[in-house]
Amino acid sequence: MRGLRVLLAGMIAAVAVGVAAPPASAHDALKEATPASGATVEPPSEIVLTFTNTARLPQVVVTDDKGTAVQSGAPEASDNKVTQALNGTLPNGEYTVAWRVVSSDGHPIKGTYKFTVEGSSAAPTSSATAPSSAAPAPAASAPATPSTRGASSQSEDGGSSGWLWIGLAAVVVAAVVGGVAWARRPRQN
């Protein structure tokens, strides 16, 4: 009978912890990009990235199909928009945008996407001339993973879900120990 009460107390504690657990918070994400991922466009003068929340400490690198950087200067962040100027008129071809920002929850997020330029009158650049790069390549440390939320591939570094599970496990263990102590308490007649 005592074992049944201990088991019942543990099950009640586990259900109570599961019901009272707070919802997991999601990181910010890339909401929109101009030019858009996979788009074929006339030569743009800038890249505009719009996030679901405020973006801080942006890094944006735009490269042509030879890997030559074509961005100009540092990106500018204003609320949830990051704007990166480009170095002159882009020639026809495929371009990759690699970005990294610190989201509003303090975690870095990054991603990459591609777009194509057609209808340009600019001559193709040779691989010997490389325009200045104001920011280090954000996608160099790890490849981005595909995401269905937004206009690009995106991966999230860090996160608090591990600590959430550790805390949840500690609460469950404490509840079970408390249930055992309650079941073993001396009874008054």
N, C-alpha and C. Protein backbone atom coordinates (compact mmCIF):
# COMPACT_ATOMS: atom_id res chain seq x y z
N MET A 1 0.82 -1.19 0.00
CA MET A 1 0.00 0.00 0.00
C MET A 1 0.87 1.26 0.00
N ARG A 2 1.94 1.24 0.79
CA ARG A 2 2.83 2.40 0.88
C ARG A 2 3.47 2.68 -0.47
N GLY A 3 3.90 1.64 -1.19
CA GLY A 3 4.51 1.81 -2.51
C GLY A 3 3.54 2.43 -3.50
N LEU A 4 2.28 2.06 -3.40
CA LEU A 4 1.27 2.63 -4.27
C LEU A 4 1.10 4.13 -4.02
N ARG A 5 1.12 4.53 -2.73
CA ARG A 5 1.00 5.95 -2.41
C ARG A 5 2.21 6.74 -2.91
N VAL A 6 3.39 6.17 -2.80
CA VAL A 6 4.60 6.85 -3.29
C VAL A 6 4.51 7.01 -4.81
N LEU A 7 4.11 5.96 -5.51
CA LEU A 7 3.98 6.02 -6.96
C LEU A 7 2.92 7.05 -7.35
N LEU A 8 1.80 7.05 -6.66
CA LEU A 8 0.73 8.00 -6.95
C LEU A 8 1.20 9.44 -6.70
N ALA A 9 1.92 9.68 -5.61
CA ALA A 9 2.42 11.02 -5.30
C ALA A 9 3.41 11.47 -6.38
N GLY A 10 4.27 10.58 -6.83
CA GLY A 10 5.23 10.91 -7.89
C GLY A 10 4.53 11.24 -9.19
N MET A 11 3.50 10.47 -9.54
CA MET A 11 2.77 10.73 -10.78
C MET A 11 2.04 12.06 -10.71
N ILE A 12 1.44 12.38 -9.57
CA ILE A 12 0.74 13.66 -9.41
C ILE A 12 1.73 14.81 -9.53
N ALA A 13 2.90 14.67 -8.92
CA ALA A 13 3.92 15.72 -9.00
C ALA A 13 4.39 15.91 -10.44
N ALA A 14 4.60 14.82 -11.17
CA ALA A 14 5.06 14.93 -12.56
C ALA A 14 4.01 15.61 -13.43
N VAL A 15 2.74 15.28 -13.24
CA VAL A 15 1.68 15.92 -14.01
C VAL A 15 1.59 17.40 -13.66
N ALA A 16 1.71 17.74 -12.37
CA ALA A 16 1.64 19.15 -11.95
C ALA A 16 2.78 19.95 -12.56
N VAL A 17 3.98 19.39 -12.61
CA VAL A 17 5.12 20.09 -13.21
C VAL A 17 4.90 20.25 -14.71
N GLY A 18 4.38 19.24 -15.37
CA GLY A 18 4.13 19.31 -16.81
C GLY A 18 3.09 20.35 -17.16
N VAL A 19 2.06 20.49 -16.36
CA VAL A 19 1.00 21.47 -16.61
C VAL A 19 1.50 22.88 -16.33
N ALA A 20 2.34 23.06 -15.31
CA ALA A 20 2.80 24.38 -14.91
C ALA A 20 4.04 24.85 -15.66
N ALA A 21 4.60 24.04 -16.54
CA ALA A 21 5.83 24.41 -17.26
C ALA A 21 5.54 25.59 -18.18
N PRO A 22 6.42 26.58 -18.21
CA PRO A 22 6.20 27.73 -19.10
C PRO A 22 6.48 27.34 -20.55
N PRO A 23 5.85 28.03 -21.50
CA PRO A 23 6.10 27.72 -22.90
C PRO A 23 7.52 28.10 -23.29
N ALA A 24 8.10 27.38 -24.24
CA ALA A 24 9.43 27.69 -24.71
C ALA A 24 9.41 28.97 -25.54
N SER A 25 10.44 29.79 -25.38
CA SER A 25 10.49 31.02 -26.17
C SER A 25 11.27 30.76 -27.45
N ALA A 26 10.83 31.37 -28.52
CA ALA A 26 11.48 31.19 -29.81
C ALA A 26 12.43 32.35 -30.07
N HIS A 27 13.51 32.07 -30.78
CA HIS A 27 14.43 33.12 -31.18
C HIS A 27 13.78 33.94 -32.29
N ASP A 28 14.33 35.13 -32.50
CA ASP A 28 13.88 35.93 -33.62
C ASP A 28 14.31 35.25 -34.91
N ALA A 29 13.73 35.67 -36.02
CA ALA A 29 14.03 35.06 -37.31
C ALA A 29 14.03 36.12 -38.40
N LEU A 30 14.63 35.77 -39.52
CA LEU A 30 14.57 36.64 -40.70
C LEU A 30 13.17 36.54 -41.26
N LYS A 31 12.50 37.68 -41.36
CA LYS A 31 11.11 37.73 -41.83
C LYS A 31 11.05 37.96 -43.33
N GLU A 32 11.92 38.86 -43.83
CA GLU A 32 11.88 39.23 -45.23
C GLU A 32 13.25 39.72 -45.66
N ALA A 33 13.59 39.48 -46.92
CA ALA A 33 14.85 39.95 -47.47
C ALA A 33 14.60 40.59 -48.83
N THR A 34 15.32 41.70 -49.11
CA THR A 34 15.23 42.35 -50.41
C THR A 34 16.65 42.54 -50.92
N PRO A 35 17.00 41.92 -52.05
CA PRO A 35 16.24 40.98 -52.86
C PRO A 35 15.93 39.70 -52.07
N ALA A 36 14.85 39.06 -52.46
CA ALA A 36 14.38 37.86 -51.77
C ALA A 36 15.23 36.65 -52.14
N SER A 37 15.15 35.65 -51.30
CA SER A 37 15.85 34.40 -51.55
C SER A 37 15.34 33.76 -52.84
N GLY A 38 16.27 33.42 -53.73
CA GLY A 38 15.93 32.77 -54.99
C GLY A 38 15.42 33.71 -56.07
N ALA A 39 15.33 35.01 -55.78
CA ALA A 39 14.78 35.97 -56.74
C ALA A 39 15.79 36.28 -57.85
N THR A 40 15.26 36.63 -59.01
CA THR A 40 16.06 37.15 -60.12
C THR A 40 15.67 38.61 -60.25
N VAL A 41 16.67 39.52 -60.10
CA VAL A 41 16.38 40.95 -60.02
C VAL A 41 17.34 41.75 -60.89
N GLU A 42 16.98 43.01 -61.14
CA GLU A 42 17.90 43.98 -61.74
C GLU A 42 18.95 44.28 -60.66
N PRO A 43 20.09 44.84 -61.01
CA PRO A 43 21.14 45.07 -60.00
C PRO A 43 20.64 45.93 -58.83
N PRO A 44 20.65 45.40 -57.61
CA PRO A 44 20.24 46.18 -56.45
C PRO A 44 21.39 47.08 -55.98
N SER A 45 21.07 48.13 -55.24
CA SER A 45 22.10 48.99 -54.67
C SER A 45 22.37 48.66 -53.21
N GLU A 46 21.46 47.85 -52.62
CA GLU A 46 21.60 47.48 -51.22
C GLU A 46 20.84 46.20 -50.93
N ILE A 47 21.17 45.59 -49.82
CA ILE A 47 20.46 44.43 -49.29
C ILE A 47 19.71 44.92 -48.05
N VAL A 48 18.42 44.58 -47.94
CA VAL A 48 17.63 44.96 -46.77
C VAL A 48 17.09 43.68 -46.15
N LEU A 49 17.44 43.45 -44.89
CA LEU A 49 16.98 42.28 -44.14
C LEU A 49 16.04 42.75 -43.05
N THR A 50 14.84 42.19 -43.00
CA THR A 50 13.86 42.54 -41.99
C THR A 50 13.65 41.34 -41.07
N PHE A 51 13.82 41.56 -39.77
CA PHE A 51 13.70 40.48 -38.78
C PHE A 51 12.39 40.61 -38.01
N THR A 52 12.02 39.56 -37.29
CA THR A 52 10.78 39.56 -36.53
C THR A 52 10.85 40.44 -35.28
N ASN A 53 12.07 40.85 -34.90
CA ASN A 53 12.25 41.72 -33.75
C ASN A 53 13.53 42.52 -33.95
N THR A 54 13.91 43.32 -32.99
CA THR A 54 15.10 44.16 -33.10
C THR A 54 16.35 43.32 -33.33
N ALA A 55 17.17 43.76 -34.29
CA ALA A 55 18.43 43.09 -34.60
C ALA A 55 19.58 43.98 -34.16
N ARG A 56 20.58 43.37 -33.48
CA ARG A 56 21.74 44.13 -33.00
C ARG A 56 23.01 43.52 -33.55
N LEU A 57 24.05 44.32 -33.61
CA LEU A 57 25.40 43.90 -34.03
C LEU A 57 25.38 43.12 -35.35
N PRO A 58 24.83 43.71 -36.40
CA PRO A 58 24.70 42.98 -37.66
C PRO A 58 26.04 42.79 -38.38
N GLN A 59 26.15 41.69 -39.07
CA GLN A 59 27.24 41.41 -39.99
C GLN A 59 26.60 40.87 -41.27
N VAL A 60 26.96 41.46 -42.41
CA VAL A 60 26.41 41.01 -43.68
C VAL A 60 27.57 40.94 -44.68
N VAL A 61 27.70 39.81 -45.35
CA VAL A 61 28.69 39.63 -46.40
C VAL A 61 27.96 39.17 -47.65
N VAL A 62 28.17 39.89 -48.75
CA VAL A 62 27.56 39.55 -50.03
C VAL A 62 28.69 39.18 -50.98
N THR A 63 28.62 37.99 -51.56
CA THR A 63 29.68 37.52 -52.46
C THR A 63 29.10 37.10 -53.80
N ASP A 64 29.93 37.23 -54.85
CA ASP A 64 29.51 36.76 -56.17
C ASP A 64 29.81 35.27 -56.29
N ASP A 65 29.58 34.70 -57.48
CA ASP A 65 29.77 33.26 -57.65
C ASP A 65 31.23 32.83 -57.57
N LYS A 66 32.18 33.79 -57.59
CA LYS A 66 33.60 33.47 -57.44
C LYS A 66 34.06 33.63 -55.99
N GLY A 67 33.17 34.10 -55.12
CA GLY A 67 33.52 34.31 -53.72
C GLY A 67 34.06 35.69 -53.41
N THR A 68 33.98 36.60 -54.37
CA THR A 68 34.45 37.97 -54.19
C THR A 68 33.40 38.78 -53.44
N ALA A 69 33.82 39.45 -52.37
CA ALA A 69 32.90 40.27 -51.58
C ALA A 69 32.49 41.50 -52.38
N VAL A 70 31.20 41.84 -52.37
CA VAL A 70 30.69 42.98 -53.12
C VAL A 70 29.95 43.99 -52.24
N GLN A 71 29.98 43.83 -50.93
CA GLN A 71 29.34 44.80 -50.05
C GLN A 71 30.28 45.99 -49.85
N SER A 72 29.70 47.11 -49.43
CA SER A 72 30.47 48.33 -49.24
C SER A 72 30.15 48.89 -47.86
N GLY A 73 31.18 49.04 -47.04
CA GLY A 73 30.99 49.60 -45.70
C GLY A 73 30.34 48.61 -44.75
N ALA A 74 29.99 49.12 -43.59
CA ALA A 74 29.37 48.31 -42.54
C ALA A 74 27.85 48.34 -42.68
N PRO A 75 27.18 47.28 -42.27
CA PRO A 75 25.71 47.28 -42.31
C PRO A 75 25.15 48.24 -41.26
N GLU A 76 23.97 48.77 -41.54
CA GLU A 76 23.30 49.67 -40.61
C GLU A 76 22.04 49.00 -40.09
N ALA A 77 21.89 49.01 -38.77
CA ALA A 77 20.71 48.42 -38.13
C ALA A 77 19.82 49.52 -37.59
N SER A 78 18.52 49.40 -37.85
CA SER A 78 17.53 50.32 -37.33
C SER A 78 16.30 49.49 -36.96
N ASP A 79 16.07 49.34 -35.66
CA ASP A 79 14.99 48.49 -35.14
C ASP A 79 15.14 47.07 -35.67
N ASN A 80 14.18 46.64 -36.50
CA ASN A 80 14.23 45.26 -36.99
C ASN A 80 14.76 45.16 -38.42
N LYS A 81 15.31 46.26 -38.96
CA LYS A 81 15.84 46.25 -40.34
C LYS A 81 17.35 46.43 -40.33
N VAL A 82 18.02 45.67 -41.18
CA VAL A 82 19.45 45.80 -41.39
C VAL A 82 19.65 46.09 -42.88
N THR A 83 20.40 47.16 -43.18
CA THR A 83 20.65 47.56 -44.56
C THR A 83 22.15 47.48 -44.83
N GLN A 84 22.51 46.80 -45.93
CA GLN A 84 23.91 46.68 -46.34
C GLN A 84 24.06 47.25 -47.74
N ALA A 85 24.89 48.30 -47.88
CA ALA A 85 25.15 48.89 -49.20
C ALA A 85 26.03 47.95 -50.02
N LEU A 86 25.87 48.03 -51.34
CA LEU A 86 26.66 47.21 -52.25
C LEU A 86 27.67 48.08 -52.99
N ASN A 87 28.74 47.47 -53.45
CA ASN A 87 29.85 48.16 -54.09
C ASN A 87 29.56 48.37 -55.57
N GLY A 88 28.90 49.47 -55.93
CA GLY A 88 28.62 49.78 -57.32
C GLY A 88 27.52 48.91 -57.90
N THR A 89 27.45 48.90 -59.24
CA THR A 89 26.45 48.12 -59.96
C THR A 89 26.94 46.68 -60.09
N LEU A 90 26.13 45.75 -59.65
CA LEU A 90 26.51 44.34 -59.72
C LEU A 90 26.35 43.80 -61.14
N PRO A 91 27.34 43.03 -61.61
CA PRO A 91 27.19 42.37 -62.91
C PRO A 91 26.20 41.21 -62.82
N ASN A 92 25.78 40.71 -63.97
CA ASN A 92 24.90 39.55 -64.00
C ASN A 92 25.57 38.38 -63.30
N GLY A 93 24.77 37.57 -62.62
CA GLY A 93 25.29 36.39 -61.95
C GLY A 93 24.56 36.08 -60.66
N GLU A 94 25.03 35.04 -60.00
CA GLU A 94 24.42 34.61 -58.74
C GLU A 94 25.21 35.18 -57.56
N TYR A 95 24.50 35.63 -56.54
CA TYR A 95 25.11 36.24 -55.36
C TYR A 95 24.61 35.54 -54.11
N THR A 96 25.49 35.47 -53.11
CA THR A 96 25.15 34.86 -51.83
C THR A 96 25.20 35.93 -50.75
N VAL A 97 24.16 35.98 -49.94
CA VAL A 97 24.10 36.89 -48.80
C VAL A 97 24.25 36.04 -47.54
N ALA A 98 25.28 36.31 -46.76
CA ALA A 98 25.48 35.64 -45.47
C ALA A 98 25.32 36.70 -44.39
N TRP A 99 24.48 36.43 -43.41
CA TRP A 99 24.19 37.41 -42.37
C TRP A 99 24.26 36.79 -40.99
N ARG A 100 24.52 37.66 -40.01
CA ARG A 100 24.55 37.25 -38.61
C ARG A 100 24.14 38.47 -37.79
N VAL A 101 23.20 38.29 -36.85
CA VAL A 101 22.78 39.36 -35.94
C VAL A 101 22.60 38.76 -34.56
N VAL A 102 22.55 39.62 -33.57
CA VAL A 102 22.18 39.21 -32.22
C VAL A 102 20.71 39.54 -32.06
N SER A 103 19.91 38.51 -31.75
CA SER A 103 18.46 38.71 -31.66
C SER A 103 18.09 39.42 -30.36
N SER A 104 16.84 39.79 -30.24
CA SER A 104 16.38 40.55 -29.08
C SER A 104 16.52 39.77 -27.77
N ASP A 105 16.60 38.43 -27.85
CA ASP A 105 16.78 37.64 -26.63
C ASP A 105 18.25 37.43 -26.29
N GLY A 106 19.15 38.05 -27.07
CA GLY A 106 20.57 37.97 -26.78
C GLY A 106 21.31 36.84 -27.46
N HIS A 107 20.64 36.00 -28.20
CA HIS A 107 21.28 34.88 -28.88
C HIS A 107 21.60 35.25 -30.33
N PRO A 108 22.78 34.83 -30.80
CA PRO A 108 23.10 35.10 -32.21
C PRO A 108 22.32 34.17 -33.13
N ILE A 109 21.88 34.73 -34.24
CA ILE A 109 21.23 33.93 -35.30
C ILE A 109 21.93 34.28 -36.60
N LYS A 110 21.96 33.34 -37.51
CA LYS A 110 22.64 33.58 -38.78
C LYS A 110 21.99 32.77 -39.88
N GLY A 111 22.31 33.14 -41.11
CA GLY A 111 21.76 32.41 -42.23
C GLY A 111 22.39 32.87 -43.53
N THR A 112 22.04 32.20 -44.60
CA THR A 112 22.50 32.56 -45.93
C THR A 112 21.37 32.37 -46.91
N TYR A 113 21.44 33.09 -48.01
CA TYR A 113 20.52 32.86 -49.11
C TYR A 113 21.16 33.37 -50.38
N LYS A 114 20.58 33.00 -51.53
CA LYS A 114 21.12 33.40 -52.84
C LYS A 114 20.06 34.13 -53.64
N PHE A 115 20.53 35.02 -54.51
CA PHE A 115 19.68 35.68 -55.49
C PHE A 115 20.49 35.84 -56.77
N THR A 116 19.81 36.14 -57.87
CA THR A 116 20.47 36.26 -59.17
C THR A 116 20.21 37.64 -59.75
N VAL A 117 21.26 38.23 -60.34
CA VAL A 117 21.14 39.52 -61.02
C VAL A 117 21.11 39.26 -62.52
N GLU A 118 20.13 39.85 -63.20
CA GLU A 118 20.04 39.81 -64.67
C GLU A 118 19.73 41.21 -65.16
N GLY A 119 20.16 41.53 -66.39
CA GLY A 119 19.88 42.83 -66.98
C GLY A 119 20.86 43.90 -66.58
N SER A 120 22.02 43.52 -66.09
CA SER A 120 23.03 44.50 -65.69
C SER A 120 23.89 44.91 -66.88
N SER A 121 24.31 46.17 -66.88
CA SER A 121 25.23 46.63 -67.92
C SER A 121 26.66 46.63 -67.42
N ALA A 122 26.88 46.25 -66.15
CA ALA A 122 28.22 46.23 -65.57
C ALA A 122 29.01 45.04 -66.08
N ALA A 123 30.29 45.24 -66.28
CA ALA A 123 31.18 44.16 -66.71
C ALA A 123 31.44 43.23 -65.55
N PRO A 124 31.57 41.92 -65.83
CA PRO A 124 31.87 40.97 -64.75
C PRO A 124 33.19 41.32 -64.07
N THR A 125 33.26 41.10 -62.77
CA THR A 125 34.50 41.36 -62.03
C THR A 125 35.43 40.18 -62.17
N SER A 126 36.72 40.46 -62.16
CA SER A 126 37.70 39.37 -62.18
C SER A 126 38.00 38.98 -60.75
N SER A 127 38.47 37.77 -60.56
CA SER A 127 38.75 37.30 -59.21
C SER A 127 39.97 37.98 -58.62
N ALA A 128 40.75 38.72 -59.42
CA ALA A 128 41.93 39.41 -58.91
C ALA A 128 41.57 40.67 -58.15
N THR A 129 40.42 41.28 -58.47
CA THR A 129 40.02 42.49 -57.75
C THR A 129 38.96 42.13 -56.74
N ALA A 130 39.25 42.40 -55.50
CA ALA A 130 38.30 42.10 -54.43
C ALA A 130 37.93 43.38 -53.71
N PRO A 131 36.66 43.81 -53.78
CA PRO A 131 36.23 44.99 -53.04
C PRO A 131 36.43 44.78 -51.55
N SER A 132 36.50 45.88 -50.83
CA SER A 132 36.76 45.79 -49.39
C SER A 132 35.61 45.09 -48.68
N SER A 133 35.98 44.35 -47.65
CA SER A 133 35.00 43.63 -46.83
C SER A 133 35.02 44.24 -45.44
N ALA A 134 33.90 44.82 -45.04
CA ALA A 134 33.85 45.50 -43.75
C ALA A 134 33.59 44.56 -42.60
N ALA A 135 33.01 43.42 -42.85
CA ALA A 135 32.66 42.51 -41.77
C ALA A 135 33.16 41.12 -42.09
N PRO A 136 33.54 40.35 -41.05
CA PRO A 136 33.96 38.99 -41.30
C PRO A 136 32.80 38.14 -41.77
N ALA A 137 33.10 37.09 -42.50
CA ALA A 137 32.05 36.23 -43.04
C ALA A 137 31.31 35.53 -41.92
N PRO A 138 30.01 35.80 -41.74
CA PRO A 138 29.28 35.21 -40.64
C PRO A 138 29.01 33.73 -40.80
N ALA A 139 29.04 33.22 -42.01
CA ALA A 139 28.71 31.82 -42.20
C ALA A 139 29.94 30.93 -42.23
N ALA A 140 31.13 31.48 -41.93
CA ALA A 140 32.36 30.70 -42.04
C ALA A 140 32.51 29.66 -40.94
N SER A 141 31.90 29.86 -39.78
CA SER A 141 32.12 28.95 -38.67
C SER A 141 31.33 27.66 -38.78
N ALA A 142 30.15 27.72 -39.34
CA ALA A 142 29.34 26.51 -39.47
C ALA A 142 28.33 26.73 -40.58
N PRO A 143 28.00 25.68 -41.33
CA PRO A 143 27.01 25.85 -42.38
C PRO A 143 25.63 26.09 -41.77
N ALA A 144 24.86 26.90 -42.45
CA ALA A 144 23.51 27.19 -41.99
C ALA A 144 22.60 26.02 -42.31
N THR A 145 21.60 25.83 -41.47
CA THR A 145 20.64 24.77 -41.70
C THR A 145 19.38 25.36 -42.28
N PRO A 146 18.68 24.65 -43.16
CA PRO A 146 17.47 25.20 -43.76
C PRO A 146 16.41 25.48 -42.72
N SER A 147 15.64 26.52 -42.98
CA SER A 147 14.55 26.89 -42.09
C SER A 147 13.31 27.15 -42.92
N THR A 148 12.18 26.80 -42.38
CA THR A 148 10.94 27.07 -43.09
C THR A 148 10.35 28.40 -42.66
N ARG A 149 10.95 29.09 -41.67
CA ARG A 149 10.44 30.36 -41.20
C ARG A 149 11.22 31.49 -41.85
N GLY A 150 10.82 32.06 -42.88
CA GLY A 150 11.53 33.21 -43.40
C GLY A 150 12.10 32.94 -44.77
N ALA A 151 12.86 33.89 -45.25
CA ALA A 151 13.31 33.86 -46.62
C ALA A 151 14.70 33.31 -46.78
N SER A 152 15.24 32.60 -45.81
CA SER A 152 16.61 32.14 -45.94
C SER A 152 16.84 30.88 -45.16
N SER A 153 18.05 30.37 -45.31
CA SER A 153 18.51 29.32 -44.43
C SER A 153 18.90 30.01 -43.14
N GLN A 154 18.62 29.40 -42.02
CA GLN A 154 18.93 30.04 -40.76
C GLN A 154 19.27 28.99 -39.73
N SER A 155 20.27 29.28 -38.91
CA SER A 155 20.57 28.41 -37.78
C SER A 155 20.69 29.27 -36.55
N GLU A 156 20.38 28.69 -35.42
CA GLU A 156 20.45 29.41 -34.17
C GLU A 156 21.57 28.84 -33.33
N ASP A 157 22.44 29.71 -32.86
CA ASP A 157 23.53 29.30 -32.01
C ASP A 157 23.12 29.49 -30.57
N GLY A 158 23.57 28.59 -29.71
CA GLY A 158 23.24 28.73 -28.31
C GLY A 158 21.79 28.42 -28.07
N GLY A 159 21.30 28.82 -26.93
CA GLY A 159 19.91 28.61 -26.61
C GLY A 159 19.78 28.19 -25.17
N SER A 160 18.58 28.29 -24.67
CA SER A 160 18.36 27.99 -23.27
C SER A 160 17.54 26.73 -23.07
N SER A 161 17.23 26.00 -24.13
CA SER A 161 16.38 24.82 -23.97
C SER A 161 17.06 23.74 -23.13
N GLY A 162 18.38 23.62 -23.19
CA GLY A 162 19.09 22.64 -22.37
C GLY A 162 18.91 22.93 -20.90
N TRP A 163 19.05 24.22 -20.52
CA TRP A 163 18.85 24.59 -19.13
C TRP A 163 17.40 24.41 -18.70
N LEU A 164 16.46 24.60 -19.62
CA LEU A 164 15.06 24.38 -19.30
C LEU A 164 14.82 22.92 -18.93
N TRP A 165 15.39 22.01 -19.72
CA TRP A 165 15.21 20.58 -19.43
C TRP A 165 15.90 20.18 -18.13
N ILE A 166 17.07 20.74 -17.86
CA ILE A 166 17.77 20.43 -16.61
C ILE A 166 16.94 20.91 -15.42
N GLY A 167 16.40 22.13 -15.53
CA GLY A 167 15.55 22.67 -14.46
C GLY A 167 14.29 21.84 -14.27
N LEU A 168 13.68 21.44 -15.38
CA LEU A 168 12.48 20.61 -15.30
C LEU A 168 12.78 19.27 -14.64
N ALA A 169 13.91 18.66 -14.97
CA ALA A 169 14.29 17.38 -14.36
C ALA A 169 14.54 17.56 -12.87
N ALA A 170 15.16 18.66 -12.47
CA ALA A 170 15.40 18.92 -11.05
C ALA A 170 14.09 19.08 -10.29
N VAL A 171 13.12 19.75 -10.88
CA VAL A 171 11.81 19.92 -10.23
C VAL A 171 11.10 18.58 -10.08
N VAL A 172 11.17 17.74 -11.11
CA VAL A 172 10.53 16.42 -11.05
C VAL A 172 11.18 15.58 -9.97
N VAL A 173 12.52 15.58 -9.90
CA VAL A 173 13.22 14.80 -8.87
C VAL A 173 12.84 15.31 -7.49
N ALA A 174 12.79 16.63 -7.31
CA ALA A 174 12.41 17.19 -6.02
C ALA A 174 10.98 16.81 -5.65
N ALA A 175 10.08 16.80 -6.63
CA ALA A 175 8.69 16.42 -6.37
C ALA A 175 8.59 14.95 -5.96
N VAL A 176 9.34 14.09 -6.62
CA VAL A 176 9.31 12.67 -6.28
C VAL A 176 9.88 12.44 -4.88
N VAL A 177 11.01 13.11 -4.56
CA VAL A 177 11.60 12.99 -3.22
C VAL A 177 10.62 13.51 -2.18
N GLY A 178 9.95 14.62 -2.47
CA GLY A 178 8.95 15.15 -1.55
C GLY A 178 7.78 14.19 -1.36
N GLY A 179 7.36 13.54 -2.45
CA GLY A 179 6.29 12.55 -2.35
C GLY A 179 6.68 11.36 -1.50
N VAL A 180 7.92 10.91 -1.65
CA VAL A 180 8.41 9.78 -0.83
C VAL A 180 8.46 10.20 0.63
N ALA A 181 8.97 11.40 0.91
CA ALA A 181 9.03 11.87 2.30
C ALA A 181 7.63 12.00 2.88
N TRP A 182 6.69 12.47 2.10
CA TRP A 182 5.31 12.60 2.57
C TRP A 182 4.71 11.23 2.89
N ALA A 183 4.98 10.24 2.04
CA ALA A 183 4.43 8.89 2.25
C ALA A 183 5.06 8.20 3.45
N ARG A 184 6.30 8.55 3.80
CA ARG A 184 7.00 7.91 4.91
C ARG A 184 6.83 8.67 6.23
N ARG A 185 6.12 9.74 6.25
CA ARG A 185 5.97 10.54 7.46
C ARG A 185 5.23 9.71 8.52
N PRO A 186 5.52 9.96 9.76
CA PRO A 186 4.80 9.22 10.83
C PRO A 186 3.34 9.68 10.87
N ARG A 187 2.51 8.72 11.13
CA ARG A 187 1.06 9.01 11.16
C ARG A 187 0.60 9.21 12.58
N GLN A 188 -0.36 10.10 12.72
CA GLN A 188 -0.95 10.32 14.02
C GLN A 188 -2.28 9.59 14.09
N ASN A 189 -2.55 8.95 15.20
CA ASN A 189 -3.79 8.18 15.36
C ASN A 189 -4.88 9.00 15.93
